[in-house]
């Protein structure tokens, strides 16, 4: 299992939200460029960047992000307001390695169908696409976790698999930002239903013990944010773990 450090940006600042709430925010005294340089100098090859402005339809951070990415060899998994095919193409063409699609994939079946047509080969999709599923008590949430989907979690997974999408970023909202441990039960349920999925876990990871528990489930990767900023998991520990990881993430 690969550990992906998370960086959330709002107004070009590195921040963390608690349970996705913009009024419950912590701002860190470090720039996005400094964070990426810090991870890269310690052997990290992948970072997870969420553009919180983009999630609200404001892409003022985007060029700033593109300029930084061009200076490094870091692979970026990006999410935040990706709600059109053109935006997916723009991000990939600008050097983003993986694009996360969430709200639009849930609310607009035609978007998911077209994305499948462009990026899937009938068996599985390009490595460039990650489907985000944010879950609160097994209810799929979207639009910054403000709206609830009538889609059943397992039914949505099956629809995505049927279109060739196989990599999912699953956030357990109950766990997010609380450092109380990962959503082991949720992830186990998803993997028991479909062992072929490539699952990226997010939310609640607070220690290397949580990392080990996720690894035992044979999860492909996990996203770690707040635990790094609050020195519960060190960058050196991440480097050591990722160097011995057997997964070619």
Protein backbone atom coordinates (compact mmCIF):
# COMPACT_ATOMS: atom_id res chain seq x y z
CA UNK A 1 0.00 0.00 0.00
CA UNK A 2 1.31 3.42 -0.99
CA UNK A 3 0.98 6.44 1.31
CA UNK A 4 -0.01 9.63 -0.53
CA UNK A 5 0.51 12.88 1.39
CA UNK A 6 -2.47 15.24 1.09
CA UNK A 7 -2.33 18.97 0.52
CA UNK A 8 -5.51 21.05 0.58
CA UNK A 9 -5.26 24.56 -0.82
CA UNK A 10 -7.59 27.52 -0.34
CA UNK A 11 -6.71 30.96 -1.70
CA UNK A 12 -3.22 29.58 -2.48
CA UNK A 13 -2.70 28.69 1.19
CA UNK A 14 -2.17 25.21 2.65
CA UNK A 15 -5.12 24.39 4.92
CA UNK A 16 -7.12 21.57 6.46
CA UNK A 17 -10.87 21.46 6.94
CA UNK A 18 -12.63 19.48 9.63
CA UNK A 19 -15.38 17.29 8.14
CA UNK A 20 -15.25 19.42 4.98
CA UNK A 21 -16.51 22.57 6.72
CA UNK A 22 -15.12 25.83 5.35
CA UNK A 23 -15.87 27.55 8.66
CA UNK A 24 -13.75 25.01 10.58
CA UNK A 25 -10.36 25.57 9.00
CA UNK A 26 -6.71 25.38 10.02
CA UNK A 27 -4.17 27.35 7.96
CA UNK A 28 -0.55 26.19 7.95
CA UNK A 29 2.48 28.47 7.72
CA UNK A 30 3.98 26.81 4.66
CA UNK A 31 3.42 27.34 0.93
CA UNK A 32 2.24 24.75 -1.55
CA UNK A 33 5.60 24.90 -3.33
CA UNK A 34 7.48 24.38 -0.06
CA UNK A 35 5.26 21.41 0.82
CA UNK A 36 5.84 19.74 -2.54
CA UNK A 37 9.60 20.38 -2.35
CA UNK A 38 9.66 18.92 1.17
CA UNK A 39 7.92 15.74 0.08
CA UNK A 40 9.95 15.36 -3.09
CA UNK A 41 13.26 15.82 -1.27
CA UNK A 42 12.24 12.96 1.00
CA UNK A 43 11.52 10.56 -1.81
CA UNK A 44 7.77 11.00 -2.23
CA UNK A 45 6.67 10.56 -5.83
CA UNK A 46 2.92 11.22 -5.45
CA UNK A 47 0.89 13.93 -3.73
CA UNK A 48 -2.85 14.38 -3.39
CA UNK A 49 -3.96 17.98 -3.92
CA UNK A 50 -7.50 19.20 -3.34
CA UNK A 51 -8.31 22.67 -4.63
CA UNK A 52 -10.95 23.92 -2.21
CA UNK A 53 -11.58 27.01 -4.32
CA UNK A 54 -12.10 24.78 -7.34
CA UNK A 55 -14.63 22.74 -5.40
CA UNK A 56 -16.75 25.90 -5.29
CA UNK A 57 -16.24 26.66 -8.99
CA UNK A 58 -13.40 29.17 -8.49
CA UNK A 59 -10.27 28.09 -10.40
CA UNK A 60 -8.06 31.01 -9.36
CA UNK A 61 -5.57 28.57 -7.81
CA UNK A 62 -5.20 26.51 -10.96
CA UNK A 63 -2.46 28.33 -12.85
CA UNK A 64 -0.53 28.72 -9.60
CA UNK A 65 -0.69 24.95 -9.19
CA UNK A 66 0.26 24.24 -12.80
CA UNK A 67 3.33 26.50 -12.54
CA UNK A 68 4.54 24.65 -9.44
CA UNK A 69 3.97 21.20 -10.95
CA UNK A 70 6.03 22.11 -14.01
CA UNK A 71 9.04 22.72 -11.76
CA UNK A 72 9.00 19.21 -10.28
CA UNK A 73 8.81 15.55 -11.22
CA UNK A 74 6.10 15.00 -8.63
CA UNK A 75 2.98 13.15 -9.77
CA UNK A 76 -0.19 14.89 -8.66
CA UNK A 77 -3.61 13.42 -7.93
CA UNK A 78 -5.94 16.42 -8.20
CA UNK A 79 -9.52 17.04 -7.16
CA UNK A 80 -11.79 20.02 -6.77
CA UNK A 81 -14.64 21.07 -9.02
CA UNK A 82 -13.91 18.74 -11.94
CA UNK A 83 -17.36 18.89 -13.52
CA UNK A 84 -16.80 18.75 -17.28
CA UNK A 85 -14.97 16.63 -19.81
CA UNK A 86 -13.10 19.71 -20.96
CA UNK A 87 -11.81 20.28 -17.43
CA UNK A 88 -10.58 16.68 -17.23
CA UNK A 89 -8.73 17.11 -20.53
CA UNK A 90 -7.28 20.46 -19.47
CA UNK A 91 -5.93 19.07 -16.22
CA UNK A 92 -4.34 16.00 -17.84
CA UNK A 93 -2.87 18.10 -20.67
CA UNK A 94 -1.39 20.47 -18.05
CA UNK A 95 0.55 17.72 -16.32
CA UNK A 96 -1.86 16.42 -13.70
CA UNK A 97 -1.25 12.67 -13.47
CA UNK A 98 -4.59 11.67 -11.94
CA UNK A 99 -7.87 13.56 -12.01
CA UNK A 100 -10.49 12.90 -9.34
CA UNK A 101 -14.12 13.07 -10.46
CA UNK A 102 -16.87 13.19 -7.86
CA UNK A 103 -20.03 15.27 -7.90
CA UNK A 104 -20.53 15.30 -11.66
CA UNK A 105 -19.97 11.56 -11.92
CA UNK A 106 -22.67 10.99 -9.31
CA UNK A 107 -25.28 13.46 -10.54
CA UNK A 108 -24.81 13.25 -14.31
CA UNK A 109 -24.81 9.71 -15.78
CA UNK A 110 -23.99 11.10 -19.24
CA UNK A 111 -20.76 12.63 -17.89
CA UNK A 112 -19.63 9.26 -16.57
CA UNK A 113 -20.61 7.56 -19.85
CA UNK A 114 -18.65 10.08 -21.92
CA UNK A 115 -15.65 9.85 -19.62
CA UNK A 116 -15.74 6.09 -20.02
CA UNK A 117 -15.90 6.43 -23.80
CA UNK A 118 -12.85 8.72 -23.84
CA UNK A 119 -10.64 7.10 -21.24
CA UNK A 120 -11.67 3.45 -20.97
CA UNK A 121 -10.93 0.63 -23.37
CA UNK A 122 -13.92 -1.54 -22.56
CA UNK A 123 -12.05 -3.41 -19.84
CA UNK A 124 -10.64 -0.78 -17.54
CA UNK A 125 -9.98 2.93 -17.54
CA UNK A 126 -6.85 4.92 -18.01
CA UNK A 127 -4.65 5.41 -14.97
CA UNK A 128 -5.55 9.10 -15.20
CA UNK A 129 -9.08 8.79 -13.73
CA UNK A 130 -10.05 8.30 -10.08
CA UNK A 131 -13.71 8.15 -9.01
CA UNK A 132 -14.32 9.80 -5.64
CA UNK A 133 -16.94 8.40 -3.30
CA UNK A 134 -17.53 10.34 -0.09
CA UNK A 135 -19.58 8.31 2.36
CA UNK A 136 -21.47 9.20 5.54
CA UNK A 137 -23.07 6.18 7.22
CA UNK A 138 -23.13 4.41 3.81
CA UNK A 139 -24.90 7.39 2.17
CA UNK A 140 -23.05 8.91 -0.80
CA UNK A 141 -22.52 12.64 -0.31
CA UNK A 142 -21.53 15.22 -2.93
CA UNK A 143 -21.23 18.99 -3.55
CA UNK A 144 -18.86 19.44 -0.64
CA UNK A 145 -20.77 16.84 1.37
CA UNK A 146 -23.82 19.11 1.45
CA UNK A 147 -26.05 16.89 -0.71
CA UNK A 148 -27.04 13.23 -0.41
CA UNK A 149 -27.40 10.89 -3.37
CA UNK A 150 -30.27 8.39 -3.60
CA UNK A 151 -27.82 5.97 -5.21
CA UNK A 152 -26.93 2.95 -3.12
CA UNK A 153 -23.20 2.74 -2.44
CA UNK A 154 -22.74 -0.77 -3.83
CA UNK A 155 -24.96 -0.05 -6.85
CA UNK A 156 -22.82 2.97 -7.72
CA UNK A 157 -19.62 0.94 -7.40
CA UNK A 158 -21.08 -1.67 -9.75
CA UNK A 159 -22.14 0.96 -12.31
CA UNK A 160 -18.64 2.44 -12.33
CA UNK A 161 -17.03 -0.97 -12.70
CA UNK A 162 -19.38 -1.74 -15.56
CA UNK A 163 -18.08 1.34 -17.38
CA UNK A 164 -14.46 0.36 -16.81
CA UNK A 165 -13.63 2.55 -13.81
CA UNK A 166 -11.66 0.55 -11.25
CA UNK A 167 -9.85 3.05 -9.02
CA UNK A 168 -11.87 4.67 -6.23
CA UNK A 169 -10.95 7.30 -3.67
CA UNK A 170 -13.24 6.58 -0.73
CA UNK A 171 -13.51 9.07 2.12
CA UNK A 172 -15.26 8.06 5.32
CA UNK A 173 -16.76 11.42 6.33
CA UNK A 174 -17.36 10.26 9.88
CA UNK A 175 -13.60 9.89 10.24
CA UNK A 176 -12.31 12.85 8.24
CA UNK A 177 -10.17 15.39 10.07
CA UNK A 178 -10.66 13.78 13.48
CA UNK A 179 -7.53 11.62 13.71
CA UNK A 180 -9.66 8.86 15.23
CA UNK A 181 -8.65 6.02 12.94
CA UNK A 182 -9.57 4.97 9.41
CA UNK A 183 -12.92 3.59 8.23
CA UNK A 184 -11.81 -0.03 8.27
CA UNK A 185 -15.36 -1.47 8.29
CA UNK A 186 -16.39 0.59 5.26
CA UNK A 187 -13.34 -0.35 3.23
CA UNK A 188 -13.62 -4.01 4.14
CA UNK A 189 -17.24 -4.02 2.94
CA UNK A 190 -16.28 -2.51 -0.41
CA UNK A 191 -13.38 -4.91 -0.96
CA UNK A 192 -15.45 -7.91 0.09
CA UNK A 193 -18.02 -6.90 -2.51
CA UNK A 194 -15.48 -6.42 -5.28
CA UNK A 195 -11.88 -7.49 -4.63
CA UNK A 196 -10.81 -6.22 -8.07
CA UNK A 197 -11.23 -2.54 -7.23
CA UNK A 198 -8.21 -0.35 -6.57
CA UNK A 199 -9.16 1.42 -3.37
CA UNK A 200 -7.59 4.61 -2.05
CA UNK A 201 -8.58 5.19 1.58
CA UNK A 202 -9.05 8.67 3.03
CA UNK A 203 -10.13 10.06 6.36
CA UNK A 204 -9.13 9.62 9.98
CA UNK A 205 -5.66 8.14 9.56
CA UNK A 206 -3.73 9.15 12.66
CA UNK A 207 -0.77 6.80 13.08
CA UNK A 208 1.37 4.13 11.49
CA UNK A 209 -0.85 1.59 13.24
CA UNK A 210 -3.75 2.86 11.11
CA UNK A 211 -1.54 2.50 8.05
CA UNK A 212 -0.74 -1.10 8.96
CA UNK A 213 -4.42 -1.90 9.53
CA UNK A 214 -5.29 -0.59 6.07
CA UNK A 215 -2.40 -2.48 4.51
CA UNK A 216 -3.76 -5.71 5.94
CA UNK A 217 -6.95 -5.13 3.91
CA UNK A 218 -4.84 -5.03 0.72
CA UNK A 219 -5.86 -1.48 -0.04
CA UNK A 220 -3.89 0.04 -2.90
CA UNK A 221 -3.12 3.39 -1.27
CA UNK A 222 -4.16 5.80 1.45
CA UNK A 223 -4.26 9.58 1.69
CA UNK A 224 -2.72 11.14 4.81
CA UNK A 225 -3.00 14.82 5.68
CA UNK A 226 -3.64 16.12 9.16
CA UNK A 227 -1.57 13.38 10.84
CA UNK A 228 1.49 14.68 8.96
CA UNK A 229 0.88 18.34 9.84
CA UNK A 230 0.42 17.45 13.50
CA UNK A 231 3.55 15.25 13.57
CA UNK A 232 1.74 12.00 14.29
CA UNK A 233 3.22 10.47 11.14
CA UNK A 234 6.61 11.72 9.98
CA UNK A 235 7.72 12.23 6.42
CA UNK A 236 10.63 9.87 7.20
CA UNK A 237 8.15 7.13 8.17
CA UNK A 238 6.26 7.68 4.92
CA UNK A 239 9.49 7.50 2.93
CA UNK A 240 10.54 4.26 4.63
CA UNK A 241 7.09 2.71 4.13
CA UNK A 242 6.80 3.68 0.47
CA UNK A 243 10.30 2.46 -0.36
CA UNK A 244 9.38 -1.05 0.73
CA UNK A 245 5.87 -0.96 -0.70
CA UNK A 246 5.39 -3.75 -3.23
CA UNK A 247 2.64 -1.92 -5.10
CA UNK A 248 3.52 -0.07 -8.27
CA UNK A 249 1.11 2.75 -7.54
